[in-house]
PDB file of all heavy atoms in Angstrom:
ATOM      1  N   SER A   1       0.846  -1.192   0.000  1.00  0.00           N
ATOM      2  CA  SER A   1       0.000   0.000   0.000  1.00  0.00           C
ATOM      3  C   SER A   1       0.882   1.243   0.000  1.00  0.00           C
ATOM      4  O   SER A   1       1.948   1.258   0.622  1.00  0.00           O
ATOM      5  CB  SER A   1      -0.914   0.026   1.224  1.00  0.00           C
ATOM      6  OG  SER A   1      -1.840  -1.023   1.208  1.00  0.00           O
ATOM      7  N   LEU A   2       0.413   2.275  -0.690  1.00  0.00           N
ATOM      8  CA  LEU A   2       1.037   3.593  -0.657  1.00  0.00           C
ATOM      9  C   LEU A   2       0.053   4.574  -0.039  1.00  0.00           C
ATOM     10  O   LEU A   2      -1.164   4.450  -0.229  1.00  0.00           O
ATOM     11  CB  LEU A   2       1.418   4.062  -2.055  1.00  0.00           C
ATOM     12  CG  LEU A   2       2.564   3.324  -2.756  1.00  0.00           C
ATOM     13  CD1 LEU A   2       2.750   3.887  -4.154  1.00  0.00           C
ATOM     14  CD2 LEU A   2       3.859   3.437  -1.954  1.00  0.00           C
ATOM     15  N   GLY A   3       0.575   5.558   0.701  1.00  0.00           N
ATOM     16  CA  GLY A   3      -0.324   6.492   1.352  1.00  0.00           C
ATOM     17  C   GLY A   3       0.263   7.888   1.480  1.00  0.00           C
ATOM     18  O   GLY A   3       1.429   8.147   1.148  1.00  0.00           O
ATOM     19  N   LEU A   4      -0.569   8.786   1.973  1.00  0.00           N
ATOM     20  CA  LEU A   4      -0.178  10.153   2.290  1.00  0.00           C
ATOM     21  C   LEU A   4      -0.820  10.486   3.633  1.00  0.00           C
ATOM     22  O   LEU A   4      -2.024  10.286   3.808  1.00  0.00           O
ATOM     23  CB  LEU A   4      -0.646  11.130   1.215  1.00  0.00           C
ATOM     24  CG  LEU A   4      -0.233  12.588   1.413  1.00  0.00           C
ATOM     25  CD1 LEU A   4       1.288  12.742   1.259  1.00  0.00           C
ATOM     26  CD2 LEU A   4      -0.950  13.502   0.420  1.00  0.00           C
ATOM     27  N   GLU A   5      -0.019  10.997   4.579  1.00  0.00           N
ATOM     28  CA  GLU A   5      -0.519  11.195   5.943  1.00  0.00           C
ATOM     29  C   GLU A   5      -0.131  12.570   6.469  1.00  0.00           C
ATOM     30  O   GLU A   5       0.984  13.051   6.231  1.00  0.00           O
ATOM     31  CB  GLU A   5       0.026  10.107   6.860  1.00  0.00           C
ATOM     32  CG  GLU A   5      -0.507  10.171   8.274  1.00  0.00           C
ATOM     33  CD  GLU A   5       0.011   9.027   9.140  1.00  0.00           C
ATOM     34  OE1 GLU A   5       1.169   8.582   8.904  1.00  0.00           O
ATOM     35  OE2 GLU A   5      -0.718   8.588  10.038  1.00  0.00           O
ATOM     36  N   TYR A   6      -1.058  13.172   7.190  1.00  0.00           N
ATOM     37  CA  TYR A   6      -0.827  14.434   7.908  1.00  0.00           C
ATOM     38  C   TYR A   6      -1.019  14.184   9.401  1.00  0.00           C
ATOM     39  O   TYR A   6      -1.908  13.438   9.802  1.00  0.00           O
ATOM     40  CB  TYR A   6      -1.823  15.494   7.429  1.00  0.00           C
ATOM     41  CG  TYR A   6      -2.001  16.643   8.403  1.00  0.00           C
ATOM     42  CD1 TYR A   6      -1.113  17.716   8.417  1.00  0.00           C
ATOM     43  CD2 TYR A   6      -3.055  16.641   9.324  1.00  0.00           C
ATOM     44  CE1 TYR A   6      -1.275  18.759   9.318  1.00  0.00           C
ATOM     45  CE2 TYR A   6      -3.225  17.676  10.226  1.00  0.00           C
ATOM     46  CZ  TYR A   6      -2.329  18.733  10.219  1.00  0.00           C
ATOM     47  OH  TYR A   6      -2.478  19.762  11.119  1.00  0.00           O
ATOM     48  N   TRP A   7      -0.165  14.788  10.212  1.00  0.00           N
ATOM     49  CA  TRP A   7      -0.380  14.774  11.654  1.00  0.00           C
ATOM     50  C   TRP A   7       0.129  16.073  12.253  1.00  0.00           C
ATOM     51  O   TRP A   7       0.968  16.760  11.669  1.00  0.00           O
ATOM     52  CB  TRP A   7       0.276  13.559  12.322  1.00  0.00           C
ATOM     53  CG  TRP A   7       1.759  13.422  12.162  1.00  0.00           C
ATOM     54  CD1 TRP A   7       2.424  12.871  11.107  1.00  0.00           C
ATOM     55  CD2 TRP A   7       2.770  13.838  13.099  1.00  0.00           C
ATOM     56  NE1 TRP A   7       3.782  12.908  11.323  1.00  0.00           N
ATOM     57  CE2 TRP A   7       4.028  13.485  12.541  1.00  0.00           C
ATOM     58  CE3 TRP A   7       2.739  14.445  14.357  1.00  0.00           C
ATOM     59  CZ2 TRP A   7       5.223  13.740  13.180  1.00  0.00           C
ATOM     60  CZ3 TRP A   7       3.944  14.703  15.008  1.00  0.00           C
ATOM     61  CH2 TRP A   7       5.153  14.347  14.419  1.00  0.00           C
ATOM     62  N   ALA A   8      -0.399  16.390  13.410  1.00  0.00           N
ATOM     63  CA  ALA A   8      -0.035  17.637  14.080  1.00  0.00           C
ATOM     64  C   ALA A   8       0.103  17.380  15.573  1.00  0.00           C
ATOM     65  O   ALA A   8      -0.430  16.405  16.111  1.00  0.00           O
ATOM     66  CB  ALA A   8      -1.093  18.712  13.834  1.00  0.00           C
ATOM     67  N   ARG A   9       0.844  18.247  16.225  1.00  0.00           N
ATOM     68  CA  ARG A   9       0.939  18.188  17.689  1.00  0.00           C
ATOM     69  C   ARG A   9       0.972  19.606  18.227  1.00  0.00           C
ATOM     70  O   ARG A   9       1.780  20.438  17.786  1.00  0.00           O
ATOM     71  CB  ARG A   9       2.175  17.432  18.145  1.00  0.00           C
ATOM     72  CG  ARG A   9       2.223  17.248  19.675  1.00  0.00           C
ATOM     73  CD  ARG A   9       3.306  16.293  20.093  1.00  0.00           C
ATOM     74  NE  ARG A   9       3.368  16.130  21.545  1.00  0.00           N
ATOM     75  CZ  ARG A   9       2.656  15.259  22.239  1.00  0.00           C
ATOM     76  NH1 ARG A   9       1.796  14.466  21.611  1.00  0.00           N
ATOM     77  NH2 ARG A   9       2.770  15.167  23.545  1.00  0.00           N
ATOM     78  N   GLY A  10       0.081  19.876  19.160  1.00  0.00           N
ATOM     79  CA  GLY A  10      -0.001  21.196  19.747  1.00  0.00           C
ATOM     80  C   GLY A  10      -0.497  21.122  21.176  1.00  0.00           C
ATOM     81  O   GLY A  10      -0.848  20.058  21.688  1.00  0.00           O
ATOM     82  N   ASN A  11      -0.554  22.284  21.814  1.00  0.00           N
ATOM     83  CA  ASN A  11      -0.930  22.383  23.217  1.00  0.00           C
ATOM     84  C   ASN A  11      -2.106  23.347  23.337  1.00  0.00           C
ATOM     85  O   ASN A  11      -2.014  24.504  22.917  1.00  0.00           O
ATOM     86  CB  ASN A  11       0.273  22.878  24.035  1.00  0.00           C
ATOM     87  CG  ASN A  11       0.087  22.707  25.520  1.00  0.00           C
ATOM     88  OD1 ASN A  11      -1.024  22.851  26.036  1.00  0.00           O
ATOM     89  ND2 ASN A  11       1.172  22.410  26.223  1.00  0.00           N
ATOM     90  N   PHE A  12      -3.232  22.857  23.908  1.00  0.00           N
ATOM     91  CA  PHE A  12      -4.404  23.719  24.085  1.00  0.00           C
ATOM     92  C   PHE A  12      -4.105  24.892  25.016  1.00  0.00           C
ATOM     93  O   PHE A  12      -4.817  25.903  24.989  1.00  0.00           O
ATOM     94  CB  PHE A  12      -5.570  22.915  24.661  1.00  0.00           C
ATOM     95  CG  PHE A  12      -6.243  22.011  23.661  1.00  0.00           C
ATOM     96  CD1 PHE A  12      -6.178  20.637  23.802  1.00  0.00           C
ATOM     97  CD2 PHE A  12      -6.948  22.541  22.584  1.00  0.00           C
ATOM     98  CE1 PHE A  12      -6.807  19.803  22.894  1.00  0.00           C
ATOM     99  CE2 PHE A  12      -7.575  21.714  21.665  1.00  0.00           C
ATOM    100  CZ  PHE A  12      -7.505  20.344  21.822  1.00  0.00           C
ATOM    101  N   ASP A  13      -3.072  24.763  25.841  1.00  0.00           N
ATOM    102  CA  ASP A  13      -2.731  25.820  26.787  1.00  0.00           C
ATOM    103  C   ASP A  13      -1.878  26.919  26.149  1.00  0.00           C
ATOM    104  O   ASP A  13      -1.564  27.910  26.801  1.00  0.00           O
ATOM    105  CB  ASP A  13      -1.978  25.222  27.982  1.00  0.00           C
ATOM    106  CG  ASP A  13      -2.759  24.091  28.642  1.00  0.00           C
ATOM    107  OD1 ASP A  13      -3.966  24.281  28.878  1.00  0.00           O
ATOM    108  OD2 ASP A  13      -2.159  23.025  28.887  1.00  0.00           O
ATOM    109  N   GLU A  14      -1.497  26.738  24.890  1.00  0.00           N
ATOM    110  CA  GLU A  14      -0.698  27.714  24.168  1.00  0.00           C
ATOM    111  C   GLU A  14      -1.463  28.197  22.939  1.00  0.00           C
ATOM    112  O   GLU A  14      -2.555  27.715  22.645  1.00  0.00           O
ATOM    113  CB  GLU A  14       0.647  27.097  23.752  1.00  0.00           C
ATOM    114  CG  GLU A  14       1.483  26.584  24.910  1.00  0.00           C
ATOM    115  CD  GLU A  14       2.719  25.841  24.448  1.00  0.00           C
ATOM    116  OE1 GLU A  14       2.818  25.563  23.227  1.00  0.00           O
ATOM    117  OE2 GLU A  14       3.574  25.528  25.300  1.00  0.00           O
ATOM    118  N   LYS A  15      -0.881  29.116  22.197  1.00  0.00           N
ATOM    119  CA  LYS A  15      -1.502  29.587  20.970  1.00  0.00           C
ATOM    120  C   LYS A  15      -1.513  28.469  19.932  1.00  0.00           C
ATOM    121  O   LYS A  15      -0.547  27.722  19.789  1.00  0.00           O
ATOM    122  CB  LYS A  15      -0.741  30.794  20.417  1.00  0.00           C
ATOM    123  CG  LYS A  15      -0.787  32.030  21.308  1.00  0.00           C
ATOM    124  CD  LYS A  15      -0.016  33.178  20.690  1.00  0.00           C
ATOM    125  CE  LYS A  15      -0.063  34.409  21.573  1.00  0.00           C
ATOM    126  NZ  LYS A  15       0.703  35.539  20.977  1.00  0.00           N
ATOM    127  N   LEU A  16      -2.622  28.339  19.205  1.00  0.00           N
ATOM    128  CA  LEU A  16      -2.725  27.297  18.186  1.00  0.00           C
ATOM    129  C   LEU A  16      -1.678  27.468  17.098  1.00  0.00           C
ATOM    130  O   LEU A  16      -1.270  26.496  16.449  1.00  0.00           O
ATOM    131  CB  LEU A  16      -4.130  27.303  17.581  1.00  0.00           C
ATOM    132  CG  LEU A  16      -5.285  26.929  18.531  1.00  0.00           C
ATOM    133  CD1 LEU A  16      -6.611  26.935  17.775  1.00  0.00           C
ATOM    134  CD2 LEU A  16      -5.045  25.564  19.164  1.00  0.00           C
ATOM    135  N   SER A  17      -1.200  28.705  16.898  1.00  0.00           N
ATOM    136  CA  SER A  17      -0.188  28.956  15.880  1.00  0.00           C
ATOM    137  C   SER A  17       1.153  28.322  16.236  1.00  0.00           C
ATOM    138  O   SER A  17       2.038  28.213  15.381  1.00  0.00           O
ATOM    139  CB  SER A  17       0.001  30.459  15.676  1.00  0.00           C
ATOM    140  OG  SER A  17       0.413  31.093  16.881  1.00  0.00           O
ATOM    141  N   GLN A  18       1.314  27.883  17.480  1.00  0.00           N
ATOM    142  CA  GLN A  18       2.559  27.261  17.907  1.00  0.00           C
ATOM    143  C   GLN A  18       2.563  25.751  17.665  1.00  0.00           C
ATOM    144  O   GLN A  18       3.564  25.087  17.948  1.00  0.00           O
ATOM    145  CB  GLN A  18       2.813  27.543  19.392  1.00  0.00           C
ATOM    146  CG  GLN A  18       3.062  29.008  19.699  1.00  0.00           C
ATOM    147  CD  GLN A  18       3.290  29.253  21.173  1.00  0.00           C
ATOM    148  OE1 GLN A  18       2.357  29.353  21.964  1.00  0.00           O
ATOM    149  NE2 GLN A  18       4.560  29.341  21.555  1.00  0.00           N
ATOM    150  N   ALA A  19       1.470  25.211  17.154  1.00  0.00           N
ATOM    151  CA  ALA A  19       1.411  23.775  16.878  1.00  0.00           C
ATOM    152  C   ALA A  19       2.355  23.415  15.734  1.00  0.00           C
ATOM    153  O   ALA A  19       2.669  24.235  14.873  1.00  0.00           O
ATOM    154  CB  ALA A  19      -0.021  23.372  16.536  1.00  0.00           C
ATOM    155  N   HIS A  20       2.791  22.161  15.726  1.00  0.00           N
ATOM    156  CA  HIS A  20       3.662  21.651  14.679  1.00  0.00           C
ATOM    157  C   HIS A  20       2.852  20.759  13.745  1.00  0.00           C
ATOM    158  O   HIS A  20       2.030  19.944  14.194  1.00  0.00           O
ATOM    159  CB  HIS A  20       4.828  20.862  15.280  1.00  0.00           C
ATOM    160  CG  HIS A  20       5.653  21.662  16.243  1.00  0.00           C
ATOM    161  ND1 HIS A  20       6.267  22.841  15.883  1.00  0.00           N
ATOM    162  CD2 HIS A  20       5.956  21.460  17.547  1.00  0.00           C
ATOM    163  CE1 HIS A  20       6.923  23.333  16.919  1.00  0.00           C
ATOM    164  NE2 HIS A  20       6.749  22.503  17.948  1.00  0.00           N
ATOM    165  N   HIS A  21       3.090  20.894  12.431  1.00  0.00           N
ATOM    166  CA  HIS A  21       2.331  20.176  11.416  1.00  0.00           C
ATOM    167  C   HIS A  21       3.296  19.417  10.504  1.00  0.00           C
ATOM    168  O   HIS A  21       4.302  19.983  10.056  1.00  0.00           O
ATOM    169  CB  HIS A  21       1.498  21.152  10.581  1.00  0.00           C
ATOM    170  CG  HIS A  21       0.578  22.008  11.396  1.00  0.00           C
ATOM    171  ND1 HIS A  21      -0.728  21.664  11.655  1.00  0.00           N
ATOM    172  CD2 HIS A  21       0.794  23.202  12.025  1.00  0.00           C
ATOM    173  CE1 HIS A  21      -1.287  22.600  12.405  1.00  0.00           C
ATOM    174  NE2 HIS A  21      -0.383  23.543  12.636  1.00  0.00           N
ATOM    175  N   TYR A  22       2.967  18.152  10.224  1.00  0.00           N
ATOM    176  CA  TYR A  22       3.806  17.302   9.383  1.00  0.00           C
ATOM    177  C   TYR A  22       2.957  16.620   8.318  1.00  0.00           C
ATOM    178  O   TYR A  22       1.792  16.264   8.572  1.00  0.00           O
ATOM    179  CB  TYR A  22       4.497  16.215  10.214  1.00  0.00           C
ATOM    180  CG  TYR A  22       5.546  16.702  11.172  1.00  0.00           C
ATOM    181  CD1 TYR A  22       5.204  17.203  12.422  1.00  0.00           C
ATOM    182  CD2 TYR A  22       6.899  16.655  10.841  1.00  0.00           C
ATOM    183  CE1 TYR A  22       6.170  17.636  13.308  1.00  0.00           C
ATOM    184  CE2 TYR A  22       7.878  17.089  11.727  1.00  0.00           C
ATOM    185  CZ  TYR A  22       7.502  17.586  12.960  1.00  0.00           C
ATOM    186  OH  TYR A  22       8.459  18.023  13.842  1.00  0.00           O
ATOM    187  N   VAL A  23       3.543  16.400   7.160  1.00  0.00           N
ATOM    188  CA  VAL A  23       2.871  15.650   6.102  1.00  0.00           C
ATOM    189  C   VAL A  23       3.931  14.890   5.305  1.00  0.00           C
ATOM    190  O   VAL A  23       5.064  15.368   5.150  1.00  0.00           O
ATOM    191  CB  VAL A  23       2.057  16.580   5.172  1.00  0.00           C
ATOM    192  CG1 VAL A  23       2.963  17.509   4.371  1.00  0.00           C
ATOM    193  CG2 VAL A  23       1.160  15.778   4.253  1.00  0.00           C
ATOM    194  N   GLY A  24       3.553  13.690   4.825  1.00  0.00           N
ATOM    195  CA  GLY A  24       4.526  12.936   4.045  1.00  0.00           C
ATOM    196  C   GLY A  24       3.980  11.623   3.528  1.00  0.00           C
ATOM    197  O   GLY A  24       2.889  11.182   3.909  1.00  0.00           O
ATOM    198  N   PRO A  25       4.745  10.963   2.652  1.00  0.00           N
ATOM    199  CA  PRO A  25       4.333   9.701   2.048  1.00  0.00           C
ATOM    200  C   PRO A  25       4.542   8.534   3.013  1.00  0.00           C
ATOM    201  O   PRO A  25       5.417   8.563   3.879  1.00  0.00           O
ATOM    202  CB  PRO A  25       5.243   9.581   0.827  1.00  0.00           C
ATOM    203  CG  PRO A  25       6.497  10.296   1.249  1.00  0.00           C
ATOM    204  CD  PRO A  25       6.045  11.438   2.129  1.00  0.00           C
ATOM    205  N   THR A  26       3.741   7.491   2.813  1.00  0.00           N
ATOM    206  CA  THR A  26       3.861   6.281   3.624  1.00  0.00           C
ATOM    207  C   THR A  26       3.878   5.056   2.718  1.00  0.00           C
ATOM    208  O   THR A  26       3.417   5.109   1.570  1.00  0.00           O
ATOM    209  CB  THR A  26       2.694   6.154   4.618  1.00  0.00           C
ATOM    210  OG1 THR A  26       1.468   5.939   3.891  1.00  0.00           O
ATOM    211  CG2 THR A  26       2.561   7.406   5.461  1.00  0.00           C
ATOM    212  N   PHE A  27       4.390   3.965   3.258  1.00  0.00           N
ATOM    213  CA  PHE A  27       4.471   2.711   2.512  1.00  0.00           C
ATOM    214  C   PHE A  27       4.257   1.552   3.462  1.00  0.00           C
ATOM    215  O   PHE A  27       4.795   1.541   4.574  1.00  0.00           O
ATOM    216  CB  PHE A  27       5.835   2.579   1.830  1.00  0.00           C
ATOM    217  CG  PHE A  27       6.056   1.259   1.154  1.00  0.00           C
ATOM    218  CD1 PHE A  27       5.416   0.958  -0.044  1.00  0.00           C
ATOM    219  CD2 PHE A  27       6.889   0.316   1.723  1.00  0.00           C
ATOM    220  CE1 PHE A  27       5.616  -0.264  -0.661  1.00  0.00           C
ATOM    221  CE2 PHE A  27       7.103  -0.914   1.107  1.00  0.00           C
ATOM    222  CZ  PHE A  27       6.459  -1.198  -0.091  1.00  0.00           C
ATOM    223  N   LEU A  28       3.459   0.580   3.041  1.00  0.00           N
ATOM    224  CA  LEU A  28       3.197  -0.623   3.833  1.00  0.00           C
ATOM    225  C   LEU A  28       3.472  -1.847   2.988  1.00  0.00           C
ATOM    226  O   LEU A  28       3.015  -1.947   1.841  1.00  0.00           O
ATOM    227  CB  LEU A  28       1.733  -0.651   4.306  1.00  0.00           C
ATOM    228  CG  LEU A  28       1.243  -1.979   4.910  1.00  0.00           C
ATOM    229  CD1 LEU A  28       1.930  -2.247   6.255  1.00  0.00           C
ATOM    230  CD2 LEU A  28      -0.275  -1.974   5.072  1.00  0.00           C
ATOM    231  N   ALA A  29       4.243  -2.787   3.553  1.00  0.00           N
ATOM    232  CA  ALA A  29       4.441  -4.104   2.950  1.00  0.00           C
ATOM    233  C   ALA A  29       4.044  -5.150   3.983  1.00  0.00           C
ATOM    234  O   ALA A  29       4.443  -5.048   5.146  1.00  0.00           O
ATOM    235  CB  ALA A  29       5.889  -4.307   2.517  1.00  0.00           C
ATOM    236  N   GLN A  30       3.246  -6.131   3.585  1.00  0.00           N
ATOM    237  CA  GLN A  30       2.793  -7.127   4.537  1.00  0.00           C
ATOM    238  C   GLN A  30       2.825  -8.522   3.927  1.00  0.00           C
ATOM    239  O   GLN A  30       2.598  -8.708   2.729  1.00  0.00           O
ATOM    240  CB  GLN A  30       1.381  -6.810   5.029  1.00  0.00           C
ATOM    241  CG  GLN A  30       0.335  -6.679   3.936  1.00  0.00           C
ATOM    242  CD  GLN A  30      -1.034  -6.390   4.500  1.00  0.00           C
ATOM    243  OE1 GLN A  30      -1.415  -6.920   5.539  1.00  0.00           O
ATOM    244  NE2 GLN A  30      -1.788  -5.547   3.829  1.00  0.00           N
ATOM    245  N   GLY A  31       3.157  -9.474   4.781  1.00  0.00           N
ATOM    246  CA  GLY A  31       3.163 -10.869   4.400  1.00  0.00           C
ATOM    247  C   GLY A  31       2.446 -11.694   5.450  1.00  0.00           C
ATOM    248  O   GLY A  31       1.752 -11.154   6.311  1.00  0.00           O
ATOM    249  N   GLU A  32       2.615 -12.972   5.406  1.00  0.00           N
ATOM    250  CA  GLU A  32       1.900 -13.871   6.307  1.00  0.00           C
ATOM    251  C   GLU A  32       2.519 -13.888   7.698  1.00  0.00           C
ATOM    252  O   GLU A  32       1.843 -14.204   8.674  1.00  0.00           O
ATOM    253  CB  GLU A  32       1.892 -15.279   5.719  1.00  0.00           C
ATOM    254  CG  GLU A  32       0.770 -16.169   6.216  1.00  0.00           C
ATOM    255  CD  GLU A  32       0.688 -17.434   5.385  1.00  0.00           C
ATOM    256  OE1 GLU A  32       1.674 -18.173   5.338  1.00  0.00           O
ATOM    257  OE2 GLU A  32      -0.371 -17.664   4.768  1.00  0.00           O
ATOM    258  N   THR A  33       3.791 -13.566   7.809  1.00  0.00           N
ATOM    259  CA  THR A  33       4.489 -13.657   9.086  1.00  0.00           C
ATOM    260  C   THR A  33       4.913 -12.314   9.663  1.00  0.00           C
ATOM    261  O   THR A  33       5.382 -12.261  10.800  1.00  0.00           O
ATOM    262  CB  THR A  33       5.741 -14.533   8.942  1.00  0.00           C
ATOM    263  OG1 THR A  33       6.595 -13.964   7.934  1.00  0.00           O
ATOM    264  CG2 THR A  33       5.360 -15.948   8.518  1.00  0.00           C
ATOM    265  N   ALA A  34       4.783 -11.212   8.921  1.00  0.00           N
ATOM    266  CA  ALA A  34       5.211  -9.909   9.414  1.00  0.00           C
ATOM    267  C   ALA A  34       4.710  -8.818   8.490  1.00  0.00           C
ATOM    268  O   ALA A  34       4.271  -9.078   7.373  1.00  0.00           O
ATOM    269  CB  ALA A  34       6.740  -9.844   9.521  1.00  0.00           C
ATOM    270  N   TRP A  35       4.760  -7.573   8.975  1.00  0.00           N
ATOM    271  CA  TRP A  35       4.482  -6.418   8.134  1.00  0.00           C
ATOM    272  C   TRP A  35       5.387  -5.268   8.578  1.00  0.00           C
ATOM    273  O   TRP A  35       5.881  -5.245   9.702  1.00  0.00           O
ATOM    274  CB  TRP A  35       3.009  -6.013   8.187  1.00  0.00           C
ATOM    275  CG  TRP A  35       2.453  -5.712   9.554  1.00  0.00           C
ATOM    276  CD1 TRP A  35       1.803  -6.572  10.394  1.00  0.00           C
ATOM    277  CD2 TRP A  35       2.480  -4.442  10.245  1.00  0.00           C
ATOM    278  NE1 TRP A  35       1.442  -5.945  11.561  1.00  0.00           N
ATOM    279  CE2 TRP A  35       1.835  -4.643  11.488  1.00  0.00           C
ATOM    280  CE3 TRP A  35       2.980  -3.193   9.929  1.00  0.00           C
ATOM    281  CZ2 TRP A  35       1.686  -3.615  12.430  1.00  0.00           C
ATOM    282  CZ3 TRP A  35       2.842  -2.166  10.854  1.00  0.00           C
ATOM    283  CH2 TRP A  35       2.189  -2.396  12.085  1.00  0.00           C
ATOM    284  N   ILE A  36       5.613  -4.334   7.671  1.00  0.00           N
ATOM    285  CA  ILE A  36       6.425  -3.164   7.974  1.00  0.00           C
ATOM    286  C   ILE A  36       5.767  -1.927   7.370  1.00  0.00           C
ATOM    287  O   ILE A  36       5.285  -1.948   6.234  1.00  0.00           O
ATOM    288  CB  ILE A  36       7.873  -3.321   7.459  1.00  0.00           C
ATOM    289  CG1 ILE A  36       8.709  -2.085   7.832  1.00  0.00           C
ATOM    290  CG2 ILE A  36       7.916  -3.575   5.968  1.00  0.00           C
ATOM    291  CD1 ILE A  36      10.195  -2.261   7.595  1.00  0.00           C
ATOM    292  N   SER A  37       5.712  -0.859   8.161  1.00  0.00           N
ATOM    293  CA  SER A  37       5.116   0.404   7.740  1.00  0.00           C
ATOM    294  C   SER A  37       6.162   1.505   7.877  1.00  0.00           C
ATOM    295  O   SER A  37       6.845   1.598   8.904  1.00  0.00           O
ATOM    296  CB  SER A  37       3.892   0.723   8.615  1.00  0.00           C
ATOM    297  OG  SER A  37       3.278   1.921   8.212  1.00  0.00           O
ATOM    298  N   LEU A  38       6.277   2.340   6.845  1.00  0.00           N
ATOM    299  CA  LEU A  38       7.296   3.387   6.803  1.00  0.00           C
ATOM    300  C   LEU A  38       6.651   4.732   6.495  1.00  0.00           C
ATOM    301  O   LEU A  38       5.754   4.817   5.649  1.00  0.00           O
ATOM    302  CB  LEU A  38       8.349   3.086   5.727  1.00  0.00           C
ATOM    303  CG  LEU A  38       9.006   1.704   5.755  1.00  0.00           C
ATOM    304  CD1 LEU A  38       9.836   1.498   4.493  1.00  0.00           C
ATOM    305  CD2 LEU A  38       9.879   1.554   6.981  1.00  0.00           C
ATOM    306  N   GLY A  39       7.103   5.770   7.162  1.00  0.00           N
ATOM    307  CA  GLY A  39       6.625   7.113   6.878  1.00  0.00           C
ATOM    308  C   GLY A  39       7.749   8.132   7.015  1.00  0.00           C
ATOM    309  O   GLY A  39       8.566   8.041   7.936  1.00  0.00           O
ATOM    310  N   THR A  40       7.799   9.093   6.084  1.00  0.00           N
ATOM    311  CA  THR A  40       8.760  10.192   6.133  1.00  0.00           C
ATOM    312  C   THR A  40       7.975  11.491   6.021  1.00  0.00           C
ATOM    313  O   THR A  40       7.215  11.684   5.067  1.00  0.00           O
ATOM    314  CB  THR A  40       9.777  10.099   4.980  1.00  0.00           C
ATOM    315  OG1 THR A  40      10.470   8.853   5.062  1.00  0.00           O
ATOM    316  CG2 THR A  40      10.782  11.236   5.052  1.00  0.00           C
ATOM    317  N   TYR A  41       8.166  12.395   6.994  1.00  0.00           N
ATOM    318  CA  TYR A  41       7.295  13.564   7.104  1.00  0.00           C
ATOM    319  C   TYR A  41       8.105  14.863   7.116  1.00  0.00           C
ATOM    320  O   TYR A  41       9.155  14.943   7.765  1.00  0.00           O
ATOM    321  CB  TYR A  41       6.464  13.484   8.389  1.00  0.00           C
ATOM    322  CG  TYR A  41       5.713  12.183   8.522  1.00  0.00           C
ATOM    323  CD1 TYR A  41       6.281  11.089   9.167  1.00  0.00           C
ATOM    324  CD2 TYR A  41       4.434  12.040   7.977  1.00  0.00           C
ATOM    325  CE1 TYR A  41       5.601   9.888   9.278  1.00  0.00           C
ATOM    326  CE2 TYR A  41       3.751  10.841   8.086  1.00  0.00           C
ATOM    327  CZ  TYR A  41       4.338   9.767   8.732  1.00  0.00           C
ATOM    328  OH  TYR A  41       3.670   8.575   8.832  1.00  0.00           O
ATOM    329  N   LEU A  42       7.585  15.850   6.403  1.00  0.00           N
ATOM    330  CA  LEU A  42       8.177  17.181   6.364  1.00  0.00           C
ATOM    331  C   LEU A  42       7.380  18.100   7.288  1.00  0.00           C
ATOM    332  O   LEU A  42       6.149  18.138   7.228  1.00  0.00           O
ATOM    333  CB  LEU A  42       8.146  17.738   4.937  1.00  0.00           C
ATOM    334  CG  LEU A  42       8.582  19.195   4.762  1.00  0.00           C
ATOM    335  CD1 LEU A  42      10.066  19.358   5.088  1.00  0.00           C
ATOM    336  CD2 LEU A  42       8.279  19.681   3.343  1.00  0.00           C
ATOM    337  N   ARG A  43       8.074  18.826   8.133  1.00  0.00           N
ATOM    338  CA  ARG A  43       7.428  19.785   9.030  1.00  0.00           C
ATOM    339  C   ARG A  43       7.040  21.037   8.240  1.00  0.00           C
ATOM    340  O   ARG A  43       7.878  21.649   7.569  1.00  0.00           O
ATOM    341  CB  ARG A  43       8.370  20.137  10.177  1.00  0.00           C
ATOM    342  CG  ARG A  43       7.814  21.142  11.158  1.00  0.00           C
ATOM    343  CD  ARG A  43       8.717  21.227  12.375  1.00  0.00           C
ATOM    344  NE  ARG A  43       8.587  22.494  13.064  1.00  0.00           N
ATOM    345  CZ  ARG A  43       9.324  22.839  14.117  1.00  0.00           C
ATOM    346  NH1 ARG A  43      10.237  21.993  14.574  1.00  0.00           N
ATOM    347  NH2 ARG A  43       9.162  24.008  14.698  1.00  0.00           N
ATOM    348  N   LEU A  44       5.764  21.420   8.324  1.00  0.00           N
ATOM    349  CA  LEU A  44       5.233  22.502   7.513  1.00  0.00           C
ATOM    350  C   LEU A  44       5.302  23.863   8.190  1.00  0.00           C
ATOM    351  O   LEU A  44       5.383  24.888   7.501  1.00  0.00           O
ATOM    352  CB  LEU A  44       3.773  22.193   7.136  1.00  0.00           C
ATOM    353  CG  LEU A  44       3.529  20.916   6.336  1.00  0.00           C
ATOM    354  CD1 LEU A  44       2.044  20.745   6.067  1.00  0.00           C
ATOM    355  CD2 LEU A  44       4.318  20.919   5.034  1.00  0.00           C
ATOM    356  N   ASP A  45       5.195  23.912   9.524  1.00  0.00           N
ATOM    357  CA  ASP A  45       5.206  25.210  10.190  1.00  0.00           C
ATOM    358  C   ASP A  45       6.609  25.809  10.130  1.00  0.00           C
ATOM    359  O   ASP A  45       7.618  25.104  10.241  1.00  0.00           O
ATOM    360  CB  ASP A  45       4.733  25.075  11.644  1.00  0.00           C
ATOM    361  CG  ASP A  45       5.477  23.993  12.406  1.00  0.00           C
ATOM    362  OD1 ASP A  45       5.193  22.797  12.146  1.00  0.00           O
ATOM    363  OD2 ASP A  45       6.329  24.323  13.235  1.00  0.00           O
ATOM    364  N   ASP A  46       6.680  27.117   9.944  1.00  0.00           N
ATOM    365  CA  ASP A  46       7.950  27.845   9.789  1.00  0.00           C
ATOM    366  C   ASP A  46       8.801  27.228   8.691  1.00  0.00           C
ATOM    367  O   ASP A  46      10.025  27.104   8.825  1.00  0.00           O
ATOM    368  CB  ASP A  46       8.726  27.853  11.112  1.00  0.00           C
ATOM    369  CG  ASP A  46       7.986  28.577  12.215  1.00  0.00           C
ATOM    370  OD1 ASP A  46       7.294  29.567  11.905  1.00  0.00           O
ATOM    371  OD2 ASP A  46       8.075  28.146  13.379  1.00  0.00           O
ATOM    372  N   LEU A  47       8.138  26.841   7.592  1.00  0.00           N
ATOM    373  CA  LEU A  47       8.854  26.220   6.486  1.00  0.00           C
ATOM    374  C   LEU A  47       9.886  27.200   5.925  1.00  0.00           C
ATOM    375  O   LEU A  47       9.601  28.372   5.701  1.00  0.00           O
ATOM    376  CB  LEU A  47       7.862  25.831   5.384  1.00  0.00           C
ATOM    377  CG  LEU A  47       8.354  24.846   4.323  1.00  0.00           C
ATOM    378  CD1 LEU A  47       8.764  23.526   4.963  1.00  0.00           C
ATOM    379  CD2 LEU A  47       7.271  24.607   3.276  1.00  0.00           C
TER     380      LEU A  47
END
């Protein structure tokens, strides 16, 4: 499988503009005995 994922991390006690945002491609390979998932993400805030 190929994918695209966004995630963010922030603090409700701080300004929302201080949150960090990431986006990047993902890859999944799976078989009968194991699977592996990979993701590489670029930070978007203060790019």
